[in-house]
PDB file of N, CA and C in Angstrom:
ATOM      1  N   MET A   1      12.315-104.804-176.509  1.00  0.00           N
ATOM      2  CA  MET A   1      13.741-105.003-176.531  1.00  0.00           C
ATOM      3  C   MET A   1      14.394-103.996-175.585  1.00  0.00           C
ATOM      4  N   ALA A   2      15.404-104.433-174.888  1.00  0.00           N
ATOM      5  CA  ALA A   2      16.104-103.584-173.935  1.00  0.00           C
ATOM      6  C   ALA A   2      17.003-102.589-174.665  1.00  0.00           C
ATOM      7  N   TRP A   3      17.080-101.408-174.110  1.00  0.00           N
ATOM      8  CA  TRP A   3      17.981-100.390-174.625  1.00  0.00           C
ATOM      9  C   TRP A   3      19.400-100.699-174.144  1.00  0.00           C
ATOM     10  N   ARG A   4      19.489-101.097-172.889  1.00  0.00           N
ATOM     11  CA  ARG A   4      20.757-101.555-172.299  1.00  0.00           C
ATOM     12  C   ARG A   4      20.453-102.694-171.327  1.00  0.00           C
ATOM     13  N   VAL A   5      21.466-103.469-171.048  1.00  0.00           N
ATOM     14  CA  VAL A   5      21.363-104.509-170.032  1.00  0.00           C
ATOM     15  C   VAL A   5      22.474-104.238-169.022  1.00  0.00           C
ATOM     16  N   LEU A   6      22.092-104.162-167.747  1.00  0.00           N
ATOM     17  CA  LEU A   6      23.038-103.873-166.672  1.00  0.00           C
ATOM     18  C   LEU A   6      23.019-104.996-165.644  1.00  0.00           C
ATOM     19  N   GLU A   7      24.121-105.169-164.963  1.00  0.00           N
ATOM     20  CA  GLU A   7      24.227-106.127-163.867  1.00  0.00           C
ATOM     21  C   GLU A   7      24.277-105.347-162.561  1.00  0.00           C
ATOM     22  N   HIS A   8      23.380-105.727-161.630  1.00  0.00           N
ATOM     23  CA  HIS A   8      23.359-105.077-160.319  1.00  0.00           C
ATOM     24  C   HIS A   8      22.967-106.100-159.270  1.00  0.00           C
ATOM     25  N   ASP A   9      23.798-106.244-158.272  1.00  0.00           N
ATOM     26  CA  ASP A   9      23.520-107.108-157.135  1.00  0.00           C
ATOM     27  C   ASP A   9      23.184-108.538-157.569  1.00  0.00           C
ATOM     28  N   GLY A  10      23.926-109.043-158.554  1.00  0.00           N
ATOM     29  CA  GLY A  10      23.759-110.415-159.007  1.00  0.00           C
ATOM     30  C   GLY A  10      22.585-110.646-159.936  1.00  0.00           C
ATOM     31  N   LYS A  11      21.915-109.581-160.365  1.00  0.00           N
ATOM     32  CA  LYS A  11      20.777-109.704-161.271  1.00  0.00           C
ATOM     33  C   LYS A  11      21.052-108.932-162.551  1.00  0.00           C
ATOM     34  N   SER A  12      20.477-109.417-163.618  1.00  0.00           N
ATOM     35  CA  SER A  12      20.554-108.741-164.903  1.00  0.00           C
ATOM     36  C   SER A  12      19.298-107.885-165.068  1.00  0.00           C
ATOM     37  N   TRP A  13      19.483-106.609-165.384  1.00  0.00           N
ATOM     38  CA  TRP A  13      18.378-105.668-165.526  1.00  0.00           C
ATOM     39  C   TRP A  13      18.301-105.159-166.956  1.00  0.00           C
ATOM     40  N   ASN A  14      17.122-105.257-167.564  1.00  0.00           N
ATOM     41  CA  ASN A  14      16.868-104.682-168.882  1.00  0.00           C
ATOM     42  C   ASN A  14      16.396-103.249-168.668  1.00  0.00           C
ATOM     43  N   VAL A  15      17.081-102.329-169.309  1.00  0.00           N
ATOM     44  CA  VAL A  15      16.767-100.914-169.152  1.00  0.00           C
ATOM     45  C   VAL A  15      16.152-100.391-170.448  1.00  0.00           C
ATOM     46  N   SER A  16      14.993 -99.786-170.321  1.00  0.00           N
ATOM     47  CA  SER A  16      14.325 -99.136-171.446  1.00  0.00           C
ATOM     48  C   SER A  16      14.131 -97.674-171.096  1.00  0.00           C
ATOM     49  N   LEU A  17      13.974 -96.844-172.111  1.00  0.00           N
ATOM     50  CA  LEU A  17      13.752 -95.441-171.831  1.00  0.00           C
ATOM     51  C   LEU A  17      12.475 -94.966-172.495  1.00  0.00           C
ATOM     52  N   ALA A  18      11.930 -93.908-171.931  1.00  0.00           N
ATOM     53  CA  ALA A  18      10.711 -93.316-172.460  1.00  0.00           C
ATOM     54  C   ALA A  18      10.766 -91.817-172.202  1.00  0.00           C
ATOM     55  N   ALA A  19       9.960 -91.108-172.956  1.00  0.00           N
ATOM     56  CA  ALA A  19       9.807 -89.675-172.731  1.00  0.00           C
ATOM     57  C   ALA A  19       8.368 -89.428-172.331  1.00  0.00           C
ATOM     58  N   GLU A  20       8.186 -88.604-171.316  1.00  0.00           N
ATOM     59  CA  GLU A  20       6.824 -88.260-170.912  1.00  0.00           C
ATOM     60  C   GLU A  20       6.710 -86.748-170.826  1.00  0.00           C
ATOM     61  N   ARG A  21       5.538 -86.276-171.151  1.00  0.00           N
ATOM     62  CA  ARG A  21       5.282 -84.840-171.065  1.00  0.00           C
ATOM     63  C   ARG A  21       4.076 -84.638-170.166  1.00  0.00           C
ATOM     64  N   ARG A  22       4.256 -83.829-169.177  1.00  0.00           N
ATOM     65  CA  ARG A  22       3.174 -83.550-168.232  1.00  0.00           C
ATOM     66  C   ARG A  22       2.206 -82.537-168.844  1.00  0.00           C
ATOM     67  N   PRO A  23       0.965 -82.534-168.391  1.00  0.00           N
ATOM     68  CA  PRO A  23      -0.021 -81.586-168.921  1.00  0.00           C
ATOM     69  C   PRO A  23       0.473 -80.137-168.790  1.00  0.00           C
ATOM     70  N   ASN A  24       0.200 -79.362-169.806  1.00  0.00           N
ATOM     71  CA  ASN A  24       0.541 -77.932-169.836  1.00  0.00           C
ATOM     72  C   ASN A  24       2.038 -77.652-169.768  1.00  0.00           C
ATOM     73  N   SER A  25       2.842 -78.597-170.193  1.00  0.00           N
ATOM     74  CA  SER A  25       4.289 -78.415-170.203  1.00  0.00           C
ATOM     75  C   SER A  25       4.823 -78.681-171.606  1.00  0.00           C
ATOM     76  N   PRO A  26       5.691 -77.816-172.101  1.00  0.00           N
ATOM     77  CA  PRO A  26       6.278 -78.047-173.418  1.00  0.00           C
ATOM     78  C   PRO A  26       7.484 -78.995-173.361  1.00  0.00           C
ATOM     79  N   GLN A  27       7.916 -79.351-172.162  1.00  0.00           N
ATOM     80  CA  GLN A  27       9.125 -80.148-171.983  1.00  0.00           C
ATOM     81  C   GLN A  27       8.834 -81.647-171.899  1.00  0.00           C
ATOM     82  N   TRP A  28       9.649 -82.429-172.583  1.00  0.00           N
ATOM     83  CA  TRP A  28       9.644 -83.883-172.440  1.00  0.00           C
ATOM     84  C   TRP A  28      10.630 -84.239-171.341  1.00  0.00           C
ATOM     85  N   ASN A  29      10.248 -85.163-170.480  1.00  0.00           N
ATOM     86  CA  ASN A  29      11.108 -85.620-169.381  1.00  0.00           C
ATOM     87  C   ASN A  29      11.524 -87.062-169.630  1.00  0.00           C
ATOM     88  N   LEU A  30      12.749 -87.379-169.278  1.00  0.00           N
ATOM     89  CA  LEU A  30      13.298 -88.713-169.487  1.00  0.00           C
ATOM     90  C   LEU A  30      12.947 -89.633-168.325  1.00  0.00           C
ATOM     91  N   VAL A  31      12.469 -90.822-168.648  1.00  0.00           N
ATOM     92  CA  VAL A  31      12.081 -91.817-167.645  1.00  0.00           C
ATOM     93  C   VAL A  31      12.683 -93.160-168.056  1.00  0.00           C
ATOM     94  N   PHE A  32      13.203 -93.894-167.087  1.00  0.00           N
ATOM     95  CA  PHE A  32      13.777 -95.211-167.347  1.00  0.00           C
ATOM     96  C   PHE A  32      12.939 -96.305-166.697  1.00  0.00           C
ATOM     97  N   SER A  33      12.854 -97.426-167.382  1.00  0.00           N
ATOM     98  CA  SER A  33      12.209 -98.616-166.846  1.00  0.00           C
ATOM     99  C   SER A  33      13.297 -99.666-166.639  1.00  0.00           C
ATOM    100  N   PHE A  34      13.346-100.224-165.443  1.00  0.00           N
ATOM    101  CA  PHE A  34      14.292-101.285-165.110  1.00  0.00           C
ATOM    102  C   PHE A  34      13.493-102.556-164.861  1.00  0.00           C
ATOM    103  N   ARG A  35      13.797-103.617-165.611  1.00  0.00           N
ATOM    104  CA  ARG A  35      13.097-104.895-165.446  1.00  0.00           C
ATOM    105  C   ARG A  35      14.126-106.018-165.353  1.00  0.00           C
ATOM    106  N   THR A  36      13.858-106.938-164.467  1.00  0.00           N
ATOM    107  CA  THR A  36      14.701-108.118-164.354  1.00  0.00           C
ATOM    108  C   THR A  36      13.883-109.333-164.798  1.00  0.00           C
ATOM    109  N   SER A  37      14.566-110.374-165.191  1.00  0.00           N
ATOM    110  CA  SER A  37      13.859-111.575-165.655  1.00  0.00           C
ATOM    111  C   SER A  37      13.418-112.466-164.488  1.00  0.00           C
ATOM    112  N   THR A  38      13.738-112.079-163.277  1.00  0.00           N
ATOM    113  CA  THR A  38      13.336-112.840-162.096  1.00  0.00           C
ATOM    114  C   THR A  38      11.820-112.834-161.953  1.00  0.00           C
ATOM    115  N   ALA A  39      11.245-114.009-161.809  1.00  0.00           N
ATOM    116  CA  ALA A  39       9.791-114.125-161.674  1.00  0.00           C
ATOM    117  C   ALA A  39       9.310-113.381-160.435  1.00  0.00           C
ATOM    118  N   GLY A  40       8.237-112.651-160.597  1.00  0.00           N
ATOM    119  CA  GLY A  40       7.651-111.942-159.469  1.00  0.00           C
ATOM    120  C   GLY A  40       8.284-110.599-159.169  1.00  0.00           C
ATOM    121  N   GLN A  41       9.337-110.251-159.846  1.00  0.00           N
ATOM    122  CA  GLN A  41      10.001-108.972-159.608  1.00  0.00           C
ATOM    123  C   GLN A  41       9.258-107.871-160.360  1.00  0.00           C
ATOM    124  N   ARG A  42       8.956-106.802-159.689  1.00  0.00           N
ATOM    125  CA  ARG A  42       8.229-105.704-160.318  1.00  0.00           C
ATOM    126  C   ARG A  42       9.162-104.850-161.169  1.00  0.00           C
ATOM    127  N   SER A  43       8.588-104.176-162.140  1.00  0.00           N
ATOM    128  CA  SER A  43       9.341-103.198-162.920  1.00  0.00           C
ATOM    129  C   SER A  43       9.517-101.944-162.078  1.00  0.00           C
ATOM    130  N   ILE A  44      10.616-101.281-162.282  1.00  0.00           N
ATOM    131  CA  ILE A  44      10.893-100.047-161.562  1.00  0.00           C
ATOM    132  C   ILE A  44      10.978 -98.922-162.584  1.00  0.00           C
ATOM    133  N   TRP A  45      10.185 -97.889-162.375  1.00  0.00           N
ATOM    134  CA  TRP A  45      10.210 -96.706-163.228  1.00  0.00           C
ATOM    135  C   TRP A  45      10.862 -95.585-162.446  1.00  0.00           C
ATOM    136  N   ALA A  46      11.797 -94.884-163.094  1.00  0.00           N
ATOM    137  CA  ALA A  46      12.499 -93.809-162.412  1.00  0.00           C
ATOM    138  C   ALA A  46      12.697 -92.624-163.355  1.00  0.00           C
ATOM    139  N   ALA A  47      12.312 -91.451-162.882  1.00  0.00           N
ATOM    140  CA  ALA A  47      12.525 -90.233-163.646  1.00  0.00           C
ATOM    141  C   ALA A  47      14.001 -89.832-163.552  1.00  0.00           C
ATOM    142  N   TYR A  48      14.531 -89.357-164.659  1.00  0.00           N
ATOM    143  CA  TYR A  48      15.915 -88.893-164.701  1.00  0.00           C
ATOM    144  C   TYR A  48      15.880 -87.378-164.884  1.00  0.00           C
ATOM    145  N   PRO A  49      16.738 -86.643-164.204  1.00  0.00           N
ATOM    146  CA  PRO A  49      16.670 -85.177-164.271  1.00  0.00           C
ATOM    147  C   PRO A  49      17.199 -84.608-165.593  1.00  0.00           C
ATOM    148  N   LEU A  50      16.460 -84.889-166.650  1.00  0.00           N
ATOM    149  CA  LEU A  50      16.834 -84.405-167.972  1.00  0.00           C
ATOM    150  C   LEU A  50      15.549 -84.104-168.719  1.00  0.00           C
ATOM    151  N   ALA A  51      15.462 -82.928-169.332  1.00  0.00           N
ATOM    152  CA  ALA A  51      14.264 -82.526-170.057  1.00  0.00           C
ATOM    153  C   ALA A  51      14.659 -81.773-171.313  1.00  0.00           C
ATOM    154  N   SER A  52      13.759 -81.795-172.294  1.00  0.00           N
ATOM    155  CA  SER A  52      13.991 -81.100-173.563  1.00  0.00           C
ATOM    156  C   SER A  52      12.648 -80.849-174.233  1.00  0.00           C
ATOM    157  N   SER A  53      12.614 -79.849-175.086  1.00  0.00           N
ATOM    158  CA  SER A  53      11.391 -79.596-175.845  1.00  0.00           C
ATOM    159  C   SER A  53      11.278 -80.534-177.042  1.00  0.00           C
ATOM    160  N   SER A  54      12.336 -81.295-177.310  1.00  0.00           N
ATOM    161  CA  SER A  54      12.371 -82.240-178.425  1.00  0.00           C
ATOM    162  C   SER A  54      12.629 -83.658-177.914  1.00  0.00           C
ATOM    163  N   LYS A  55      11.752 -84.592-178.281  1.00  0.00           N
ATOM    164  CA  LYS A  55      11.980 -85.986-177.877  1.00  0.00           C
ATOM    165  C   LYS A  55      13.259 -86.524-178.494  1.00  0.00           C
ATOM    166  N   ALA A  56      13.524 -86.195-179.734  1.00  0.00           N
ATOM    167  CA  ALA A  56      14.737 -86.680-180.403  1.00  0.00           C
ATOM    168  C   ALA A  56      15.986 -86.189-179.679  1.00  0.00           C
ATOM    169  N   ALA A  57      15.999 -84.933-179.295  1.00  0.00           N
ATOM    170  CA  ALA A  57      17.149 -84.386-178.563  1.00  0.00           C
ATOM    171  C   ALA A  57      17.284 -85.055-177.197  1.00  0.00           C
ATOM    172  N   LEU A  58      16.155 -85.333-176.566  1.00  0.00           N
ATOM    173  CA  LEU A  58      16.171 -85.996-175.256  1.00  0.00           C
ATOM    174  C   LEU A  58      16.783 -87.391-175.371  1.00  0.00           C
ATOM    175  N   PHE A  59      16.364 -88.149-176.398  1.00  0.00           N
ATOM    176  CA  PHE A  59      16.910 -89.493-176.584  1.00  0.00           C
ATOM    177  C   PHE A  59      18.389 -89.447-176.956  1.00  0.00           C
ATOM    178  N   ALA A  60      18.807 -88.443-177.709  1.00  0.00           N
ATOM    179  CA  ALA A  60      20.226 -88.297-178.047  1.00  0.00           C
ATOM    180  C   ALA A  60      21.041 -88.036-176.783  1.00  0.00           C
ATOM    181  N   GLN A  61      20.497 -87.222-175.880  1.00  0.00           N
ATOM    182  CA  GLN A  61      21.187 -86.965-174.614  1.00  0.00           C
ATOM    183  C   GLN A  61      21.221 -88.221-173.747  1.00  0.00           C
ATOM    184  N   ALA A  62      20.177 -89.016-173.818  1.00  0.00           N
ATOM    185  CA  ALA A  62      20.109 -90.247-173.027  1.00  0.00           C
ATOM    186  C   ALA A  62      21.224 -91.212-173.426  1.00  0.00           C
ATOM    187  N   ASP A  63      21.602 -91.216-174.699  1.00  0.00           N
ATOM    188  CA  ASP A  63      22.688 -92.089-175.156  1.00  0.00           C
ATOM    189  C   ASP A  63      24.008 -91.780-174.463  1.00  0.00           C
ATOM    190  N   ARG A  64      24.155 -90.573-173.948  1.00  0.00           N
ATOM    191  CA  ARG A  64      25.404 -90.167-173.289  1.00  0.00           C
ATOM    192  C   ARG A  64      25.411 -90.448-171.788  1.00  0.00           C
ATOM    193  N   ILE A  65      24.321 -90.988-171.266  1.00  0.00           N
ATOM    194  CA  ILE A  65      24.262 -91.332-169.847  1.00  0.00           C
ATOM    195  C   ILE A  65      25.040 -92.630-169.641  1.00  0.00           C
ATOM    196  N   SER A  66      25.939 -92.617-168.694  1.00  0.00           N
ATOM    197  CA  SER A  66      26.803 -93.779-168.458  1.00  0.00           C
ATOM    198  C   SER A  66      26.061 -94.889-167.720  1.00  0.00           C
ATOM    199  N   ASP A  67      26.582 -96.088-167.857  1.00  0.00           N
ATOM    200  CA  ASP A  67      26.028 -97.226-167.109  1.00  0.00           C
ATOM    201  C   ASP A  67      26.127 -96.970-165.610  1.00  0.00           C
ATOM    202  N   LYS A  68      27.202 -96.328-165.194  1.00  0.00           N
ATOM    203  CA  LYS A  68      27.394 -96.032-163.774  1.00  0.00           C
ATOM    204  C   LYS A  68      26.260 -95.137-163.254  1.00  0.00           C
ATOM    205  N   GLU A  69      25.877 -94.140-164.037  1.00  0.00           N
ATOM    206  CA  GLU A  69      24.781 -93.259-163.630  1.00  0.00           C
ATOM    207  C   GLU A  69      23.452 -94.013-163.567  1.00  0.00           C
ATOM    208  N   LEU A  70      23.237 -94.898-164.520  1.00  0.00           N
ATOM    209  CA  LEU A  70      22.005 -95.698-164.517  1.00  0.00           C
ATOM    210  C   LEU A  70      21.977 -96.648-163.329  1.00  0.00           C
ATOM    211  N   LEU A  71      23.108 -97.246-163.015  1.00  0.00           N
ATOM    212  CA  LEU A  71      23.169 -98.140-161.861  1.00  0.00           C
ATOM    213  C   LEU A  71      22.898 -97.381-160.567  1.00  0.00           C
ATOM    214  N   GLN A  72      23.371 -96.141-160.479  1.00  0.00           N
ATOM    215  CA  GLN A  72      23.106 -95.325-159.295  1.00  0.00           C
ATOM    216  C   GLN A  72      21.619 -95.005-159.194  1.00  0.00           C
ATOM    217  N   LEU A  73      20.992 -94.686-160.330  1.00  0.00           N
ATOM    218  CA  LEU A  73      19.554 -94.420-160.353  1.00  0.00           C
ATOM    219  C   LEU A  73      18.771 -95.651-159.895  1.00  0.00           C
ATOM    220  N   LEU A  74      19.149 -96.810-160.392  1.00  0.00           N
ATOM    221  CA  LEU A  74      18.494 -98.065-159.991  1.00  0.00           C
ATOM    222  C   LEU A  74      18.696 -98.334-158.507  1.00  0.00           C
ATOM    223  N   SER A  75      19.919 -98.176-158.056  1.00  0.00           N
ATOM    224  CA  SER A  75      20.232 -98.407-156.649  1.00  0.00           C
ATOM    225  C   SER A  75      19.419 -97.490-155.742  1.00  0.00           C
ATOM    226  N   ASP A  76      19.280 -96.233-156.135  1.00  0.00           N
ATOM    227  CA  ASP A  76      18.485 -95.283-155.351  1.00  0.00           C
ATOM    228  C   ASP A  76      17.028 -95.721-155.264  1.00  0.00           C
ATOM    229  N   GLN A  77      16.505 -96.304-156.334  1.00  0.00           N
ATOM    230  CA  GLN A  77      15.120 -96.746-156.347  1.00  0.00           C
ATOM    231  C   GLN A  77      14.912 -98.006-155.510  1.00  0.00           C
ATOM    232  N   LEU A  78      15.938 -98.829-155.412  1.00  0.00           N
ATOM    233  CA  LEU A  78      15.824-100.083-154.658  1.00  0.00           C
ATOM    234  C   LEU A  78      15.962 -99.891-153.159  1.00  0.00           C
ATOM    235  N   THR A  79      16.495 -98.747-152.739  1.00  0.00           N
ATOM    236  CA  THR A  79      16.670 -98.518-151.294  1.00  0.00           C
ATOM    237  C   THR A  79      15.538 -97.722-150.711  1.00  0.00           C
TER     238      THR A  79
END
């Protein structure tokens, strides 16, 4: 299930979020997945510059990220 649905360049994008922790790091990093329902379109994964030692705190901070910021992140990945 999508966390958010955004419209960009005439396409609908399902946005999901995840937390990843790199080896030997106590910090969780926020990562977004952008998927469109268009056949043959690949998923786009993009790291967001937000980290926390708590996954719950990271997800709470993610709720405050605006659609505009997410659209900019997606746009940056598409160019």
